[in-house]
Amino acid sequence: MKNSYELGQDQFDALLGLFSADRDEAGEKYEQIRRGLVRFFQFKGCQDPDTLADDTINRVALKAADFDPSKNIKPVSYVYGFASNVFLEHRRTANRETSLGETQFRSPENNTNDEPDDMKTGCLNECLEKLPFDDRTLIVDYYSLEGRKKIELRREMCERFHCSATALHTKVFRMRAGLRGCITECVKKSS
């Protein structure tokens, strides 16, 4: 990850205080939560789950003083809320590092034409670049995985955008229709 979140003793003490007033019990809970975070990131398919778990814990520690127990939020849920954000940030970073030409973004309508795939891929990249960053990230993420991982990612996207699966699908469908038109125009100009 790009950012480094360094902890001081005060932040670490606040983190342990979040888990329990008893220092030994807090230490045990810390270890349990850290192991759970590592499994969480492994399940998500991350290459370095230990680093992401540590990053999550460091971020929680920096905000532990802001935790309000009167809101009836369990500290573990608070930590996993941070973990979800760290995961999404990690995915965005990974997507930026992957060139758009390597992205598996295909629609059946585009594959029936006789134009070479390189031309379509170039036009796709050009049209994607015209989209606002958030829309481009949304559509690339939407089509980036397959199988169970795709289902889980789309569920997370619905949570992130506070919308239903139908609303997300409709938004992507409309964006895809716009991209299809842009790609068709681009291919015509390139021919």
Protein backbone atom coordinates (compact mmCIF):
# COMPACT_ATOMS: atom_id res chain seq x y z
CA MET A 1 0.00 0.00 0.00
CA LYS A 2 1.13 3.52 -0.68
CA ASN A 3 0.29 5.06 2.67
CA SER A 4 2.16 4.24 5.83
CA TYR A 5 0.27 4.48 9.07
CA GLU A 6 2.78 4.60 11.93
CA LEU A 7 1.54 4.07 15.47
CA GLY A 8 2.71 5.56 18.70
CA GLN A 9 2.28 3.94 22.10
CA ASP A 10 -0.81 6.07 22.80
CA GLN A 11 -2.58 4.85 19.67
CA PHE A 12 -1.69 1.22 20.40
CA ASP A 13 -2.99 1.58 23.97
CA ALA A 14 -6.21 3.11 22.63
CA LEU A 15 -6.56 0.15 20.26
CA LEU A 16 -6.17 -2.36 23.08
CA GLY A 17 -8.60 -0.32 25.19
CA LEU A 18 -11.10 -0.68 22.38
CA PHE A 19 -11.01 -4.47 22.78
CA SER A 20 -11.04 -4.71 26.59
CA ALA A 21 -10.15 -2.85 29.78
CA ASP A 22 -8.11 -5.90 30.87
CA ARG A 23 -4.73 -5.68 29.09
CA ASP A 24 -4.25 -9.48 28.78
CA GLU A 25 -7.75 -10.02 27.44
CA ALA A 26 -7.26 -7.11 25.02
CA GLY A 27 -4.02 -8.73 23.79
CA GLU A 28 -5.80 -12.02 23.15
CA LYS A 29 -8.62 -10.28 21.30
CA TYR A 30 -6.05 -8.35 19.28
CA GLU A 31 -4.43 -11.61 18.15
CA GLN A 32 -7.81 -13.19 17.33
CA ILE A 33 -8.88 -10.18 15.31
CA ARG A 34 -5.57 -10.03 13.47
CA ARG A 35 -5.80 -13.73 12.52
CA GLY A 36 -9.38 -13.12 11.39
CA LEU A 37 -8.27 -10.18 9.26
CA VAL A 38 -5.56 -12.27 7.62
CA ARG A 39 -8.18 -14.93 6.76
CA PHE A 40 -10.53 -12.18 5.52
CA PHE A 41 -7.92 -10.86 3.08
CA GLN A 42 -6.88 -14.39 2.05
CA PHE A 43 -10.49 -15.20 1.26
CA LYS A 44 -10.69 -12.06 -0.87
CA GLY A 45 -7.71 -13.34 -2.88
CA CYS A 46 -5.21 -10.69 -1.78
CA GLN A 47 -1.54 -11.45 -2.42
CA ASP A 48 -0.26 -10.07 0.89
CA PRO A 49 -2.99 -10.54 3.52
CA ASP A 50 -0.61 -9.97 6.47
CA THR A 51 0.32 -6.49 5.28
CA LEU A 52 -3.32 -5.59 4.64
CA ALA A 53 -4.30 -6.89 8.10
CA ASP A 54 -1.56 -4.79 9.72
CA ASP A 55 -2.59 -1.75 7.69
CA THR A 56 -6.19 -2.21 8.84
CA ILE A 57 -5.17 -2.51 12.49
CA ASN A 58 -2.97 0.57 12.23
CA ARG A 59 -5.82 2.61 10.75
CA VAL A 60 -8.20 1.44 13.47
CA ALA A 61 -5.64 2.33 16.13
CA LEU A 62 -5.33 5.85 14.75
CA LYS A 63 -9.13 6.27 14.97
CA ALA A 64 -9.70 4.25 18.17
CA ALA A 65 -10.08 7.42 20.24
CA ASP A 66 -13.06 8.38 18.01
CA PHE A 67 -14.88 5.09 18.67
CA ASP A 68 -18.21 5.73 20.37
CA PRO A 69 -19.41 2.66 22.33
CA SER A 70 -22.80 4.32 22.89
CA LYS A 71 -23.68 3.61 19.23
CA ASN A 72 -23.88 -0.13 20.03
CA ILE A 73 -21.27 -1.05 17.46
CA LYS A 74 -19.07 -3.94 18.42
CA PRO A 75 -15.34 -3.22 18.20
CA VAL A 76 -14.92 -6.24 15.89
CA SER A 77 -17.52 -4.81 13.49
CA TYR A 78 -15.71 -1.47 13.65
CA VAL A 79 -12.44 -3.19 12.68
CA TYR A 80 -14.05 -5.10 9.80
CA GLY A 81 -15.57 -1.88 8.51
CA PHE A 82 -12.03 -0.58 8.16
CA ALA A 83 -10.96 -3.90 6.60
CA SER A 84 -13.63 -3.57 3.91
CA ASN A 85 -12.39 -0.08 3.06
CA VAL A 86 -8.76 -1.25 3.00
CA PHE A 87 -9.77 -4.07 0.65
CA LEU A 88 -11.63 -1.70 -1.69
CA GLU A 89 -8.68 0.68 -1.70
CA HIS A 90 -6.35 -2.23 -2.42
CA ARG A 91 -8.54 -3.31 -5.37
CA ARG A 92 -8.66 0.22 -6.78
CA THR A 93 -4.89 0.45 -6.55
CA ALA A 94 -4.48 -2.95 -8.18
CA ASN A 95 -6.91 -1.96 -10.95
CA ARG A 96 -4.98 1.23 -11.66
CA GLU A 97 -1.77 -0.76 -11.92
CA THR A 98 -3.33 -3.17 -14.40
CA SER A 99 -3.47 -1.72 -17.87
CA LEU A 100 -6.93 -1.40 -19.30
CA GLY A 101 -5.81 -3.43 -22.29
CA GLU A 102 -5.44 -6.49 -20.07
CA THR A 103 -8.93 -6.09 -18.60
CA GLN A 104 -11.37 -8.83 -19.56
CA PHE A 105 -14.15 -6.50 -20.70
CA ARG A 106 -16.06 -8.07 -23.53
CA SER A 107 -19.65 -7.92 -24.60
CA PRO A 108 -21.20 -10.44 -26.99
CA GLU A 109 -22.30 -7.66 -29.35
CA ASN A 110 -18.72 -6.48 -29.79
CA ASN A 111 -17.30 -9.93 -30.50
CA THR A 112 -19.50 -10.58 -33.54
CA ASN A 113 -17.96 -7.81 -35.64
CA ASP A 114 -15.16 -8.44 -38.11
CA GLU A 115 -12.82 -5.73 -36.77
CA PRO A 116 -9.57 -6.95 -35.23
CA ASP A 117 -9.60 -7.29 -31.45
CA ASP A 118 -6.63 -4.91 -31.14
CA MET A 119 -8.64 -2.11 -32.75
CA LYS A 120 -11.62 -2.77 -30.47
CA THR A 121 -9.38 -2.93 -27.41
CA GLY A 122 -7.74 0.37 -28.37
CA CYS A 123 -11.14 1.96 -28.88
CA LEU A 124 -12.40 0.51 -25.61
CA ASN A 125 -9.45 2.03 -23.75
CA GLU A 126 -10.00 5.38 -25.50
CA CYS A 127 -13.71 5.37 -24.61
CA LEU A 128 -13.04 4.32 -21.02
CA GLU A 129 -10.60 7.22 -20.64
CA LYS A 130 -13.40 9.62 -21.57
CA LEU A 131 -15.50 8.43 -18.61
CA PRO A 132 -15.21 10.12 -15.21
CA PHE A 133 -12.80 8.23 -12.94
CA ASP A 134 -15.55 6.83 -10.66
CA ASP A 135 -17.60 5.52 -13.60
CA ARG A 136 -14.53 4.01 -15.24
CA THR A 137 -13.56 2.28 -11.98
CA LEU A 138 -17.14 1.04 -11.52
CA ILE A 139 -17.44 -0.56 -14.94
CA VAL A 140 -13.95 -2.08 -14.92
CA ASP A 141 -14.52 -3.52 -11.44
CA TYR A 142 -17.97 -4.80 -12.44
CA TYR A 143 -16.50 -6.98 -15.20
CA SER A 144 -13.16 -7.81 -13.56
CA LEU A 145 -13.92 -11.16 -11.91
CA GLU A 146 -15.80 -14.37 -12.62
CA GLY A 147 -17.63 -17.03 -10.63
CA ARG A 148 -18.12 -16.65 -6.87
CA LYS A 149 -15.63 -13.79 -6.68
CA LYS A 150 -17.75 -11.83 -9.17
CA ILE A 151 -20.86 -12.32 -7.04
CA GLU A 152 -19.06 -11.23 -3.86
CA LEU A 153 -17.50 -8.20 -5.58
CA ARG A 154 -20.86 -7.06 -6.93
CA ARG A 155 -22.43 -7.47 -3.49
CA GLU A 156 -19.65 -5.27 -2.05
CA MET A 157 -20.20 -2.72 -4.81
CA CYS A 158 -23.90 -2.54 -3.90
CA GLU A 159 -22.94 -1.87 -0.29
CA ARG A 160 -20.35 0.73 -1.29
CA PHE A 161 -22.80 2.62 -3.52
CA HIS A 162 -25.77 2.04 -1.19
CA CYS A 163 -27.92 0.59 -3.96
CA SER A 164 -29.67 -2.63 -4.90
CA ALA A 165 -28.18 -5.17 -7.32
CA THR A 166 -30.83 -4.14 -9.85
CA ALA A 167 -29.89 -0.46 -9.60
CA LEU A 168 -26.19 -1.31 -9.99
CA HIS A 169 -26.92 -3.53 -13.00
CA THR A 170 -29.05 -0.79 -14.59
CA LYS A 171 -26.32 1.81 -14.10
CA VAL A 172 -23.68 -0.48 -15.64
CA PHE A 173 -26.04 -1.45 -18.49
CA ARG A 174 -26.53 2.23 -19.37
CA MET A 175 -22.81 2.94 -19.17
CA ARG A 176 -22.12 -0.10 -21.35
CA ALA A 177 -24.62 1.12 -23.96
CA GLY A 178 -22.81 4.46 -24.05
CA LEU A 179 -19.46 2.71 -24.35
CA ARG A 180 -20.78 0.51 -27.17
CA GLY A 181 -21.78 3.63 -29.13
CA CYS A 182 -18.42 5.27 -28.45
CA ILE A 183 -16.53 2.13 -29.53
CA THR A 184 -18.58 1.85 -32.73
CA GLU A 185 -17.78 5.47 -33.62
CA CYS A 186 -14.11 4.97 -32.79
CA VAL A 187 -13.88 1.85 -34.97
CA LYS A 188 -15.57 3.69 -37.85
CA LYS A 189 -13.05 6.55 -37.58
CA SER A 190 -10.13 4.13 -37.38
CA SER A 191 -11.24 2.14 -40.47
